[in-house]
């Protein structure tokens, strides 16, 4: 489990294909604190550390993960948002995040607003995921509050700290992003659909 509060950015150093899997090597200031078999969220995708070498560590993604996330678009030099799993007893500053991406979204617009930014994302509503005004959403692993909810799109407001300390600063219109919808909202939507 994660909180959606990004600890640091990592830089992708190398991507190696291995049959249907890919091995991603990341350089990070967190590497010296990691251990083999530890879960780390990368742009909201929970991946297991399989190797550590000085400041670099490697994680492996299987085909299902690659198909459901933007991982297939990653390349050497990209910045990734990193968060280690939460500890029991810590404050939950964001919201409950599983690290299981529900679907990909597309950055539709970026609007600067006197020191903050509004990002609007579009997603395929046929997959039965929903947002609600003032509800929680995870975008590339970042816990955010929805400020404008529509059937197949939503907006979030980004403060300068989040902009500078996450990969939001590299977003452009058309960028694919990972979305994890609020877990409570997913259960409510599922229960509602079963009663129809």
C-alpha atoms as a PDB file:
ATOM      1  CA  UNK A   1       0.000   0.000   0.000  1.00  0.00           C
ATOM      2  CA  UNK A   2       1.086   3.544  -0.788  1.00  0.00           C
ATOM      3  CA  UNK A   3      -0.144   7.064  -0.026  1.00  0.00           C
ATOM      4  CA  UNK A   4       0.487   8.889  -3.306  1.00  0.00           C
ATOM      5  CA  UNK A   5       2.982  11.241  -1.644  1.00  0.00           C
ATOM      6  CA  UNK A   6       6.048  11.135  -3.894  1.00  0.00           C
ATOM      7  CA  UNK A   7       9.366  10.794  -2.058  1.00  0.00           C
ATOM      8  CA  UNK A   8      11.704  11.615  -4.920  1.00  0.00           C
ATOM      9  CA  UNK A   9      12.269  11.397  -8.652  1.00  0.00           C
ATOM     10  CA  UNK A  10      14.286   8.644 -10.283  1.00  0.00           C
ATOM     11  CA  UNK A  11      15.951   8.614 -13.699  1.00  0.00           C
ATOM     12  CA  UNK A  12      15.538   5.602 -15.955  1.00  0.00           C
ATOM     13  CA  UNK A  13      19.022   4.424 -16.878  1.00  0.00           C
ATOM     14  CA  UNK A  14      18.254   1.341 -18.961  1.00  0.00           C
ATOM     15  CA  UNK A  15      15.383  -0.799 -20.208  1.00  0.00           C
ATOM     16  CA  UNK A  16      15.989  -4.415 -21.239  1.00  0.00           C
ATOM     17  CA  UNK A  17      13.436  -6.685 -22.856  1.00  0.00           C
ATOM     18  CA  UNK A  18      13.356 -10.301 -21.599  1.00  0.00           C
ATOM     19  CA  UNK A  19      10.714 -12.323 -23.474  1.00  0.00           C
ATOM     20  CA  UNK A  20       7.394 -10.621 -22.522  1.00  0.00           C
ATOM     21  CA  UNK A  21       8.954  -8.893 -19.496  1.00  0.00           C
ATOM     22  CA  UNK A  22      11.042  -5.756 -19.247  1.00  0.00           C
ATOM     23  CA  UNK A  23      13.738  -4.951 -16.693  1.00  0.00           C
ATOM     24  CA  UNK A  24      13.956  -1.268 -15.801  1.00  0.00           C
ATOM     25  CA  UNK A  25      17.089   0.116 -14.145  1.00  0.00           C
ATOM     26  CA  UNK A  26      16.557   3.329 -12.190  1.00  0.00           C
ATOM     27  CA  UNK A  27      19.049   5.711 -10.584  1.00  0.00           C
ATOM     28  CA  UNK A  28      17.736   7.257  -7.391  1.00  0.00           C
ATOM     29  CA  UNK A  29      18.759   8.903  -4.137  1.00  0.00           C
ATOM     30  CA  UNK A  30      16.638   6.205  -2.416  1.00  0.00           C
ATOM     31  CA  UNK A  31      18.676   3.289  -3.764  1.00  0.00           C
ATOM     32  CA  UNK A  32      20.946   3.003  -0.700  1.00  0.00           C
ATOM     33  CA  UNK A  33      17.811   2.515   1.465  1.00  0.00           C
ATOM     34  CA  UNK A  34      16.281  -0.208  -0.714  1.00  0.00           C
ATOM     35  CA  UNK A  35      16.606  -3.961  -0.446  1.00  0.00           C
ATOM     36  CA  UNK A  36      15.929  -6.842  -2.808  1.00  0.00           C
ATOM     37  CA  UNK A  37      12.231  -7.906  -2.871  1.00  0.00           C
ATOM     38  CA  UNK A  38      11.000  -4.468  -1.715  1.00  0.00           C
ATOM     39  CA  UNK A  39       7.984  -2.836  -3.390  1.00  0.00           C
ATOM     40  CA  UNK A  40       8.439   0.628  -4.888  1.00  0.00           C
ATOM     41  CA  UNK A  41       5.812   2.594  -6.824  1.00  0.00           C
ATOM     42  CA  UNK A  42       7.131   3.984 -10.134  1.00  0.00           C
ATOM     43  CA  UNK A  43       4.684   6.516 -11.611  1.00  0.00           C
ATOM     44  CA  UNK A  44       2.099   4.695  -9.486  1.00  0.00           C
ATOM     45  CA  UNK A  45       3.060   1.194 -10.654  1.00  0.00           C
ATOM     46  CA  UNK A  46       4.053  -1.141  -7.816  1.00  0.00           C
ATOM     47  CA  UNK A  47       7.215  -3.002  -8.920  1.00  0.00           C
ATOM     48  CA  UNK A  48       9.596  -5.280  -7.007  1.00  0.00           C
ATOM     49  CA  UNK A  49      13.296  -4.513  -6.627  1.00  0.00           C
ATOM     50  CA  UNK A  50      15.244  -7.459  -8.113  1.00  0.00           C
ATOM     51  CA  UNK A  51      18.813  -6.070  -8.176  1.00  0.00           C
ATOM     52  CA  UNK A  52      20.829  -3.244  -6.623  1.00  0.00           C
ATOM     53  CA  UNK A  53      24.115  -1.859  -7.948  1.00  0.00           C
ATOM     54  CA  UNK A  54      25.527   1.257  -6.238  1.00  0.00           C
ATOM     55  CA  UNK A  55      23.055   4.117  -6.979  1.00  0.00           C
ATOM     56  CA  UNK A  56      21.039   2.033  -9.451  1.00  0.00           C
ATOM     57  CA  UNK A  57      18.397  -0.612  -8.856  1.00  0.00           C
ATOM     58  CA  UNK A  58      16.388  -2.811 -11.210  1.00  0.00           C
ATOM     59  CA  UNK A  59      12.705  -3.778 -11.213  1.00  0.00           C
ATOM     60  CA  UNK A  60      10.841  -6.165 -13.517  1.00  0.00           C
ATOM     61  CA  UNK A  61       7.456  -5.660 -15.169  1.00  0.00           C
ATOM     62  CA  UNK A  62       5.408  -8.463 -16.721  1.00  0.00           C
ATOM     63  CA  UNK A  63       3.293  -8.191 -19.864  1.00  0.00           C
ATOM     64  CA  UNK A  64       0.010  -7.456 -18.029  1.00  0.00           C
ATOM     65  CA  UNK A  65       1.625  -4.512 -16.229  1.00  0.00           C
ATOM     66  CA  UNK A  66       3.095  -3.208 -19.482  1.00  0.00           C
ATOM     67  CA  UNK A  67      -0.303  -3.447 -21.234  1.00  0.00           C
ATOM     68  CA  UNK A  68      -2.258  -1.642 -18.492  1.00  0.00           C
ATOM     69  CA  UNK A  69       0.205   1.198 -17.827  1.00  0.00           C
ATOM     70  CA  UNK A  70       2.373   3.691 -19.702  1.00  0.00           C
ATOM     71  CA  UNK A  71       5.444   1.572 -18.917  1.00  0.00           C
ATOM     72  CA  UNK A  72       5.788   0.555 -22.580  1.00  0.00           C
ATOM     73  CA  UNK A  73       6.513   4.206 -23.437  1.00  0.00           C
ATOM     74  CA  UNK A  74       9.307   4.636 -20.876  1.00  0.00           C
ATOM     75  CA  UNK A  75      12.804   5.280 -22.195  1.00  0.00           C
ATOM     76  CA  UNK A  76      16.270   5.970 -20.805  1.00  0.00           C
ATOM     77  CA  UNK A  77      16.463   9.500 -19.396  1.00  0.00           C
ATOM     78  CA  UNK A  78      12.786   9.704 -18.368  1.00  0.00           C
ATOM     79  CA  UNK A  79      11.930  10.942 -14.880  1.00  0.00           C
ATOM     80  CA  UNK A  80       9.738   8.664 -12.746  1.00  0.00           C
ATOM     81  CA  UNK A  81       7.893   9.485  -9.523  1.00  0.00           C
ATOM     82  CA  UNK A  82       9.055   7.173  -6.707  1.00  0.00           C
ATOM     83  CA  UNK A  83       7.372   6.152  -3.462  1.00  0.00           C
ATOM     84  CA  UNK A  84       8.237   3.312  -1.122  1.00  0.00           C
ATOM     85  CA  UNK A  85       5.440   1.333   0.524  1.00  0.00           C
ATOM     86  CA  UNK A  86       3.925   2.973   3.583  1.00  0.00           C
ATOM     87  CA  UNK A  87       4.798   1.814   7.094  1.00  0.00           C
ATOM     88  CA  UNK A  88       2.114   0.867   9.597  1.00  0.00           C
ATOM     89  CA  UNK A  89       1.734   3.674  12.106  1.00  0.00           C
ATOM     90  CA  UNK A  90       2.778   6.440   9.689  1.00  0.00           C
ATOM     91  CA  UNK A  91       0.477   9.311   8.833  1.00  0.00           C
ATOM     92  CA  UNK A  92      -1.616   8.820   5.708  1.00  0.00           C
ATOM     93  CA  UNK A  93      -0.977  12.209   4.092  1.00  0.00           C
ATOM     94  CA  UNK A  94      -2.406  11.346   0.662  1.00  0.00           C
ATOM     95  CA  UNK A  95      -5.024   8.626   0.284  1.00  0.00           C
ATOM     96  CA  UNK A  96      -4.987   4.812   0.129  1.00  0.00           C
ATOM     97  CA  UNK A  97      -3.151   3.871  -3.064  1.00  0.00           C
ATOM     98  CA  UNK A  98      -2.643   0.245  -4.076  1.00  0.00           C
ATOM     99  CA  UNK A  99      -0.026   0.729  -6.772  1.00  0.00           C
ATOM    100  CA  UNK A 100      -2.285  -1.108  -9.235  1.00  0.00           C
ATOM    101  CA  UNK A 101      -2.919   1.127 -12.222  1.00  0.00           C
ATOM    102  CA  UNK A 102      -6.497   0.921 -13.527  1.00  0.00           C
ATOM    103  CA  UNK A 103      -5.929   2.464 -16.930  1.00  0.00           C
ATOM    104  CA  UNK A 104      -4.012   4.988 -18.971  1.00  0.00           C
ATOM    105  CA  UNK A 105      -5.181   8.566 -19.421  1.00  0.00           C
ATOM    106  CA  UNK A 106      -4.080  11.313 -21.814  1.00  0.00           C
ATOM    107  CA  UNK A 107      -3.086  14.848 -20.854  1.00  0.00           C
ATOM    108  CA  UNK A 108      -5.636  17.014 -22.664  1.00  0.00           C
ATOM    109  CA  UNK A 109      -4.673  20.495 -21.452  1.00  0.00           C
ATOM    110  CA  UNK A 110      -2.286  22.383 -19.183  1.00  0.00           C
ATOM    111  CA  UNK A 111      -3.263  25.812 -17.895  1.00  0.00           C
ATOM    112  CA  UNK A 112      -0.965  28.028 -15.845  1.00  0.00           C
ATOM    113  CA  UNK A 113      -2.858  29.961 -13.162  1.00  0.00           C
ATOM    114  CA  UNK A 114      -0.693  32.578 -11.413  1.00  0.00           C
ATOM    115  CA  UNK A 115       1.738  30.208  -9.722  1.00  0.00           C
ATOM    116  CA  UNK A 116      -0.196  26.958  -9.940  1.00  0.00           C
ATOM    117  CA  UNK A 117      -1.320  24.745 -12.811  1.00  0.00           C
ATOM    118  CA  UNK A 118      -4.508  23.012 -13.907  1.00  0.00           C
ATOM    119  CA  UNK A 119      -4.031  19.732 -15.747  1.00  0.00           C
ATOM    120  CA  UNK A 120      -6.957  18.076 -17.522  1.00  0.00           C
ATOM    121  CA  UNK A 121      -6.859  14.372 -18.338  1.00  0.00           C
ATOM    122  CA  UNK A 122      -9.090  12.284 -20.571  1.00  0.00           C
ATOM    123  CA  UNK A 123      -9.733   8.574 -20.044  1.00  0.00           C
ATOM    124  CA  UNK A 124     -11.878   5.777 -21.519  1.00  0.00           C
ATOM    125  CA  UNK A 125     -15.084   5.799 -19.443  1.00  0.00           C
ATOM    126  CA  UNK A 126     -16.148   2.439 -20.942  1.00  0.00           C
ATOM    127  CA  UNK A 127     -13.824   0.780 -18.404  1.00  0.00           C
ATOM    128  CA  UNK A 128     -16.305   1.866 -15.678  1.00  0.00           C
ATOM    129  CA  UNK A 129     -13.889   4.015 -13.694  1.00  0.00           C
ATOM    130  CA  UNK A 130     -15.256   7.279 -12.334  1.00  0.00           C
ATOM    131  CA  UNK A 131     -14.127  10.446 -10.625  1.00  0.00           C
ATOM    132  CA  UNK A 132     -16.142  12.756  -8.420  1.00  0.00           C
ATOM    133  CA  UNK A 133     -15.683  16.409  -7.552  1.00  0.00           C
ATOM    134  CA  UNK A 134     -13.295  16.695  -4.556  1.00  0.00           C
ATOM    135  CA  UNK A 135     -12.635  12.939  -4.713  1.00  0.00           C
ATOM    136  CA  UNK A 136      -9.202  11.339  -4.821  1.00  0.00           C
ATOM    137  CA  UNK A 137      -7.307  10.256  -7.930  1.00  0.00           C
ATOM    138  CA  UNK A 138      -3.755   9.043  -8.446  1.00  0.00           C
ATOM    139  CA  UNK A 139      -1.950  10.404 -11.525  1.00  0.00           C
ATOM    140  CA  UNK A 140       1.467   8.814 -12.182  1.00  0.00           C
ATOM    141  CA  UNK A 141       1.498   7.837  -8.509  1.00  0.00           C
ATOM    142  CA  UNK A 142       0.646  11.324  -7.175  1.00  0.00           C
ATOM    143  CA  UNK A 143      -2.338  11.561  -4.800  1.00  0.00           C
ATOM    144  CA  UNK A 144      -4.519  14.451  -5.999  1.00  0.00           C
ATOM    145  CA  UNK A 145      -7.959  15.957  -5.522  1.00  0.00           C
ATOM    146  CA  UNK A 146     -10.319  16.155  -8.496  1.00  0.00           C
ATOM    147  CA  UNK A 147     -11.414  19.742  -9.150  1.00  0.00           C
ATOM    148  CA  UNK A 148     -13.545  19.194 -12.247  1.00  0.00           C
ATOM    149  CA  UNK A 149     -15.190  15.838 -12.911  1.00  0.00           C
ATOM    150  CA  UNK A 150     -16.885  14.841 -16.166  1.00  0.00           C
ATOM    151  CA  UNK A 151     -17.865  11.467 -17.626  1.00  0.00           C
ATOM    152  CA  UNK A 152     -14.530  10.800 -19.345  1.00  0.00           C
ATOM    153  CA  UNK A 153     -12.241  13.529 -18.042  1.00  0.00           C
ATOM    154  CA  UNK A 154     -11.204  15.371 -14.921  1.00  0.00           C
ATOM    155  CA  UNK A 155      -8.895  18.193 -13.851  1.00  0.00           C
ATOM    156  CA  UNK A 156      -6.480  18.585 -10.955  1.00  0.00           C
ATOM    157  CA  UNK A 157      -4.777  21.657  -9.527  1.00  0.00           C
ATOM    158  CA  UNK A 158      -1.017  21.383  -9.002  1.00  0.00           C
ATOM    159  CA  UNK A 159       0.800  23.560  -6.474  1.00  0.00           C
ATOM    160  CA  UNK A 160       4.399  24.668  -7.151  1.00  0.00           C
ATOM    161  CA  UNK A 161       5.899  22.133  -4.698  1.00  0.00           C
ATOM    162  CA  UNK A 162       4.196  19.197  -6.452  1.00  0.00           C
ATOM    163  CA  UNK A 163       5.105  20.591  -9.865  1.00  0.00           C
ATOM    164  CA  UNK A 164       8.809  20.846  -8.960  1.00  0.00           C
ATOM    165  CA  UNK A 165       9.114  17.559  -7.039  1.00  0.00           C
ATOM    166  CA  UNK A 166       7.268  15.244  -9.448  1.00  0.00           C
ATOM    167  CA  UNK A 167       7.381  14.562 -13.163  1.00  0.00           C
ATOM    168  CA  UNK A 168       4.373  16.849 -13.729  1.00  0.00           C
ATOM    169  CA  UNK A 169       6.952  19.425 -14.839  1.00  0.00           C
ATOM    170  CA  UNK A 170       7.695  17.236 -17.889  1.00  0.00           C
ATOM    171  CA  UNK A 171       4.055  16.697 -18.931  1.00  0.00           C
ATOM    172  CA  UNK A 172       2.948  17.850 -22.363  1.00  0.00           C
ATOM    173  CA  UNK A 173      -0.407  17.705 -24.092  1.00  0.00           C
ATOM    174  CA  UNK A 174      -0.893  14.177 -25.422  1.00  0.00           C
ATOM    175  CA  UNK A 175       1.285  12.506 -22.763  1.00  0.00           C
ATOM    176  CA  UNK A 176       0.045   9.118 -21.548  1.00  0.00           C
ATOM    177  CA  UNK A 177      -0.253   8.907 -17.771  1.00  0.00           C
ATOM    178  CA  UNK A 178      -1.102   6.141 -15.285  1.00  0.00           C
ATOM    179  CA  UNK A 179      -4.401   6.439 -13.433  1.00  0.00           C
ATOM    180  CA  UNK A 180      -5.432   4.668 -10.260  1.00  0.00           C
ATOM    181  CA  UNK A 181      -8.966   5.562  -9.270  1.00  0.00           C
ATOM    182  CA  UNK A 182     -10.043   5.768  -5.623  1.00  0.00           C
ATOM    183  CA  UNK A 183     -10.390   2.235  -4.212  1.00  0.00           C
ATOM    184  CA  UNK A 184     -13.542   3.070  -2.225  1.00  0.00           C
ATOM    185  CA  UNK A 185     -15.117   4.630  -5.315  1.00  0.00           C
ATOM    186  CA  UNK A 186     -14.298   1.490  -7.336  1.00  0.00           C
ATOM    187  CA  UNK A 187     -16.116  -0.731  -4.833  1.00  0.00           C
ATOM    188  CA  UNK A 188     -19.145   1.580  -4.765  1.00  0.00           C
ATOM    189  CA  UNK A 189     -19.272   1.674  -8.593  1.00  0.00           C
ATOM    190  CA  UNK A 190     -19.023  -2.125  -8.741  1.00  0.00           C
ATOM    191  CA  UNK A 191     -21.801  -2.626  -6.185  1.00  0.00           C
ATOM    192  CA  UNK A 192     -23.998  -0.148  -8.058  1.00  0.00           C
ATOM    193  CA  UNK A 193     -23.420  -1.942 -11.380  1.00  0.00           C
ATOM    194  CA  UNK A 194     -24.403  -5.307  -9.809  1.00  0.00           C
ATOM    195  CA  UNK A 195     -27.774  -3.861  -8.729  1.00  0.00           C
ATOM    196  CA  UNK A 196     -28.642  -2.699 -12.263  1.00  0.00           C
END
